[in-house]
N, C-alpha and C. Protein backbone atom coordinates (compact mmCIF):
# COMPACT_ATOMS: atom_id res chain seq x y z
N MET A 1 13.73 25.78 56.78
CA MET A 1 12.11 25.66 55.48
C MET A 1 11.48 24.75 56.37
N GLU A 2 10.80 25.79 56.51
CA GLU A 2 8.93 25.75 57.97
C GLU A 2 7.99 24.41 56.48
N SER A 3 8.47 24.14 55.49
CA SER A 3 6.76 23.17 55.08
C SER A 3 7.90 21.64 54.90
N VAL A 4 9.68 21.45 55.54
CA VAL A 4 9.88 20.19 54.99
C VAL A 4 10.02 19.57 56.88
N LYS A 5 9.65 18.39 57.36
CA LYS A 5 9.68 18.32 59.10
C LYS A 5 10.92 16.76 58.79
N ILE A 6 11.83 16.95 59.09
CA ILE A 6 12.44 15.57 59.04
C ILE A 6 12.21 15.09 61.16
N ASP A 7 12.09 14.06 61.02
CA ASP A 7 12.52 13.24 62.73
C ASP A 7 13.37 11.78 62.54
N ILE A 8 13.52 11.92 62.54
CA ILE A 8 14.94 10.09 62.88
C ILE A 8 15.11 10.04 64.10
N GLY A 9 15.15 9.25 64.68
CA GLY A 9 14.50 8.81 66.23
C GLY A 9 15.62 7.52 65.70
N TYR A 10 16.43 7.42 67.06
CA TYR A 10 17.24 6.50 67.52
C TYR A 10 16.61 5.02 67.99
N GLU A 11 17.49 3.94 67.25
CA GLU A 11 17.31 2.37 67.37
C GLU A 11 18.81 1.99 68.34
N GLU A 12 18.74 1.11 69.78
CA GLU A 12 20.48 0.86 70.28
C GLU A 12 20.34 -0.05 69.61
N ASN A 13 19.23 -1.10 70.05
CA ASN A 13 18.58 -2.74 69.18
C ASN A 13 18.89 -2.60 67.45
N ALA A 14 19.92 -3.44 67.08
CA ALA A 14 20.18 -3.60 65.86
C ALA A 14 20.63 -4.99 64.75
N SER A 15 19.34 -5.65 64.25
CA SER A 15 19.09 -6.97 64.05
C SER A 15 20.47 -7.79 63.02
N ARG A 16 20.97 -8.21 63.32
CA ARG A 16 22.04 -8.84 62.62
C ARG A 16 21.85 -10.14 61.31
N MET A 17 20.44 -10.29 61.80
CA MET A 17 19.84 -11.02 60.34
C MET A 17 19.16 -9.89 59.47
N GLU A 18 18.48 -8.68 59.26
CA GLU A 18 18.44 -8.04 58.89
C GLU A 18 19.20 -7.04 58.58
N LEU A 19 20.10 -7.16 58.90
CA LEU A 19 21.79 -6.29 58.23
C LEU A 19 21.91 -6.96 56.68
N LEU A 20 21.76 -8.60 56.98
CA LEU A 20 22.07 -8.81 55.79
C LEU A 20 20.93 -9.79 54.52
N VAL A 21 19.67 -9.33 55.07
CA VAL A 21 18.71 -9.15 54.17
C VAL A 21 18.63 -7.97 54.10
N ARG A 22 18.95 -7.42 54.68
CA ARG A 22 18.88 -5.93 53.56
C ARG A 22 20.27 -5.49 52.41
N CYS A 23 21.02 -6.71 52.30
CA CYS A 23 21.77 -6.54 51.17
C CYS A 23 21.18 -6.65 50.14
N VAL A 24 20.31 -7.88 50.24
CA VAL A 24 19.26 -7.87 49.43
C VAL A 24 18.43 -7.53 48.64
N TYR A 25 17.69 -6.86 49.75
CA TYR A 25 16.47 -6.18 49.55
C TYR A 25 16.25 -4.87 49.19
N TRP A 26 17.67 -4.47 48.67
CA TRP A 26 17.66 -2.60 48.54
C TRP A 26 17.74 -2.97 46.44
N ILE A 27 17.69 -4.05 46.60
CA ILE A 27 18.25 -4.55 44.79
C ILE A 27 16.62 -4.33 44.23
N PRO A 28 15.94 -4.43 44.75
CA PRO A 28 14.15 -4.62 43.91
C PRO A 28 14.04 -2.83 44.26
N ILE A 29 14.17 -2.37 45.15
CA ILE A 29 14.20 -1.00 45.90
C ILE A 29 14.53 0.36 44.90
N TYR A 30 15.75 -0.52 44.38
CA TYR A 30 16.32 0.94 43.58
C TYR A 30 15.81 0.58 42.22
N LEU A 31 16.17 -0.37 41.77
CA LEU A 31 15.24 -0.34 40.79
C LEU A 31 13.86 0.25 40.36
N VAL A 32 12.63 -0.43 41.30
CA VAL A 32 11.84 0.37 41.11
C VAL A 32 11.77 1.98 41.81
N LEU A 33 12.72 2.42 42.64
CA LEU A 33 12.92 3.80 42.59
C LEU A 33 14.06 5.12 41.22
N MET A 34 14.67 3.84 40.64
CA MET A 34 15.50 4.56 39.53
C MET A 34 14.19 4.86 38.78
N ILE A 35 12.80 3.91 37.98
CA ILE A 35 12.60 4.58 37.07
C ILE A 35 11.49 5.55 37.69
N VAL A 36 10.88 5.63 38.65
CA VAL A 36 10.55 6.76 39.41
C VAL A 36 11.19 7.76 39.22
N GLY A 37 12.64 7.74 39.48
CA GLY A 37 12.51 8.93 39.86
C GLY A 37 12.99 9.22 37.85
N PHE A 38 13.34 8.61 37.54
CA PHE A 38 12.83 9.39 35.95
C PHE A 38 12.12 9.96 35.52
N ILE A 39 10.63 8.97 35.63
CA ILE A 39 9.39 10.14 35.18
C ILE A 39 8.84 11.16 36.52
N GLY A 40 10.18 10.93 37.45
CA GLY A 40 9.69 12.38 38.79
C GLY A 40 10.73 13.50 38.62
N ALA A 41 12.03 13.59 37.08
CA ALA A 41 12.85 14.49 37.05
C ALA A 41 12.07 15.03 35.54
N PHE A 42 11.06 13.87 34.59
CA PHE A 42 10.43 14.70 33.85
C PHE A 42 9.47 15.18 33.95
N CYS A 43 8.82 15.33 35.39
CA CYS A 43 7.04 16.29 36.56
C CYS A 43 8.60 17.02 36.65
N ILE A 44 9.23 16.93 37.90
CA ILE A 44 10.30 18.24 37.54
C ILE A 44 10.83 19.43 36.17
N PHE A 45 10.99 18.82 35.08
CA PHE A 45 11.00 19.22 34.05
C PHE A 45 10.07 20.51 33.33
N LEU A 46 8.41 19.85 33.60
CA LEU A 46 7.09 19.78 33.14
C LEU A 46 6.91 21.28 34.27
N GLN A 47 7.23 20.51 35.41
CA GLN A 47 6.67 21.62 36.35
C GLN A 47 7.44 23.28 36.16
N TRP A 48 8.28 22.81 35.68
CA TRP A 48 9.41 24.22 35.61
C TRP A 48 8.55 24.99 34.31
N PHE A 49 7.98 25.26 33.43
CA PHE A 49 7.41 25.23 32.23
C PHE A 49 6.70 25.47 32.83
N HIS A 50 5.62 25.07 33.16
CA HIS A 50 4.55 25.25 34.33
C HIS A 50 4.02 26.18 34.93
N ILE A 51 4.83 27.05 35.94
CA ILE A 51 5.12 28.10 36.29
C ILE A 51 5.80 28.92 35.95
N LEU A 52 7.16 28.27 34.78
CA LEU A 52 6.68 29.86 33.67
C LEU A 52 5.89 29.82 33.68
N PHE A 53 5.41 29.49 32.80
CA PHE A 53 3.98 29.79 31.71
C PHE A 53 2.46 30.28 31.89
N ALA A 54 2.55 29.46 33.25
CA ALA A 54 1.26 29.29 33.80
C ALA A 54 1.44 30.13 35.59
N LYS A 55 2.93 30.61 35.79
CA LYS A 55 2.93 31.25 37.22
C LYS A 55 2.62 30.36 38.60
N LYS A 56 1.88 29.82 38.49
CA LYS A 56 2.21 29.08 39.16
C LYS A 56 2.36 27.47 39.26
N ARG A 57 1.91 26.82 40.38
CA ARG A 57 2.48 25.20 40.18
C ARG A 57 1.84 24.21 39.65
N SER A 58 1.71 23.01 39.00
CA SER A 58 0.68 22.01 39.20
C SER A 58 0.41 21.09 40.41
N GLU A 59 -0.36 21.05 41.22
CA GLU A 59 -0.79 20.04 41.98
C GLU A 59 0.19 19.11 41.69
N SER A 60 -0.28 18.40 39.91
CA SER A 60 -0.10 17.10 40.10
C SER A 60 1.08 16.77 39.93
N PHE A 61 1.92 17.21 39.67
CA PHE A 61 3.72 16.96 39.83
C PHE A 61 4.13 17.17 40.97
N HIS A 62 3.54 18.84 41.10
CA HIS A 62 3.91 18.50 42.93
C HIS A 62 3.55 17.18 43.49
N LYS A 63 2.50 16.78 43.62
CA LYS A 63 2.13 15.76 44.61
C LYS A 63 3.60 14.76 44.07
N TRP A 64 3.68 14.59 43.45
CA TRP A 64 4.00 12.79 42.45
C TRP A 64 5.59 13.48 43.05
N SER A 65 6.62 14.52 42.91
CA SER A 65 7.67 15.54 42.94
C SER A 65 7.29 14.13 44.41
N ALA A 66 6.90 14.53 45.58
CA ALA A 66 6.98 14.92 46.95
C ALA A 66 6.70 13.62 47.15
N ARG A 67 6.36 12.62 46.35
CA ARG A 67 5.89 11.25 46.61
C ARG A 67 7.33 10.87 46.02
N TYR A 68 7.51 10.92 45.82
CA TYR A 68 9.05 10.49 45.18
C TYR A 68 9.74 11.00 45.77
N VAL A 69 10.58 12.19 46.47
CA VAL A 69 10.86 12.48 47.39
C VAL A 69 10.88 11.28 48.75
N LYS A 70 9.24 11.61 49.25
CA LYS A 70 9.16 11.11 50.54
C LYS A 70 10.05 9.23 50.59
N LYS A 71 9.81 8.58 49.20
CA LYS A 71 10.35 7.30 49.09
C LYS A 71 11.74 7.26 49.08
N MET A 72 12.40 8.14 48.39
CA MET A 72 13.71 7.91 48.82
C MET A 72 14.39 8.44 49.70
N PHE A 73 13.97 9.20 50.26
CA PHE A 73 14.28 9.36 51.97
C PHE A 73 13.83 8.83 52.86
N GLU A 74 12.89 7.76 52.49
CA GLU A 74 12.55 6.15 53.40
C GLU A 74 13.28 5.58 53.27
N PHE A 75 14.35 5.30 51.86
CA PHE A 75 15.12 4.25 51.74
C PHE A 75 16.34 4.51 51.55
N VAL A 76 16.55 5.48 51.67
CA VAL A 76 18.20 6.09 52.02
C VAL A 76 18.65 6.02 53.97
N SER A 77 17.39 6.14 54.08
CA SER A 77 17.39 5.91 56.04
C SER A 77 17.72 4.57 56.41
N TYR A 78 17.08 3.93 55.80
CA TYR A 78 17.16 1.97 55.91
C TYR A 78 18.30 2.00 55.03
N HIS A 79 19.16 2.00 53.69
CA HIS A 79 20.31 2.00 53.03
C HIS A 79 21.81 2.80 54.34
N TYR A 80 21.56 3.45 54.53
CA TYR A 80 21.66 3.71 55.81
C TYR A 80 21.99 3.39 57.05
N LEU A 81 21.05 2.67 57.52
CA LEU A 81 21.48 1.67 58.55
C LEU A 81 21.09 2.87 59.83
N LEU A 82 20.37 3.65 59.00
CA LEU A 82 19.62 4.42 60.31
C LEU A 82 18.24 4.14 61.43
N THR A 83 17.71 3.03 60.60
CA THR A 83 16.85 2.20 60.91
C THR A 83 16.74 0.57 60.53
N ASP A 84 15.88 0.05 61.21
CA ASP A 84 15.20 -1.63 60.74
C ASP A 84 13.87 -1.51 59.61
N GLU A 85 13.40 -0.09 60.30
CA GLU A 85 11.68 -0.51 59.45
C GLU A 85 12.39 -0.91 57.52
N ARG A 86 11.23 -1.52 57.19
CA ARG A 86 12.00 -1.76 55.66
C ARG A 86 11.14 -1.15 55.50
N PRO A 87 11.46 0.18 54.44
CA PRO A 87 10.15 0.58 53.77
C PRO A 87 10.15 -0.06 52.29
N PRO A 88 8.28 0.04 52.11
CA PRO A 88 7.83 -0.40 51.13
C PRO A 88 8.23 -0.65 49.50
N ILE A 89 8.38 -1.64 48.81
CA ILE A 89 8.46 -1.65 47.47
C ILE A 89 7.14 -0.71 46.53
N SER A 90 6.59 0.06 47.38
CA SER A 90 5.74 0.68 46.04
C SER A 90 5.45 2.11 46.47
N LEU A 91 4.46 2.88 46.03
CA LEU A 91 4.49 4.43 46.17
C LEU A 91 3.80 4.91 47.13
N GLU A 92 3.06 3.19 47.79
CA GLU A 92 1.61 3.58 48.33
C GLU A 92 2.37 4.56 49.45
N ASP A 93 1.57 5.43 50.42
CA ASP A 93 1.98 5.99 51.23
C ASP A 93 0.93 4.83 52.82
N ARG A 94 2.08 4.81 53.55
CA ARG A 94 2.02 4.31 55.22
C ARG A 94 1.03 4.44 55.62
């Protein structure tokens, strides 16, 4: 897939305190992503019909779905201990 690029850097140093903070920090992030995920699933559903009937993608549905996938990837890489950099609890781009 040429349109999707993923780059995960390796960090040798790890913080023990960050490991403890991570256990609490994932709760609000998960709640936000769960709500946004429902909206994202609805956008994907509408996008499917938009492509079916209009023969093209809706830019707004595409942006919403892409933003959700990006934020979910940031959360998963933090949650799975790939980085100590905390993802923001908002949908704003960095």
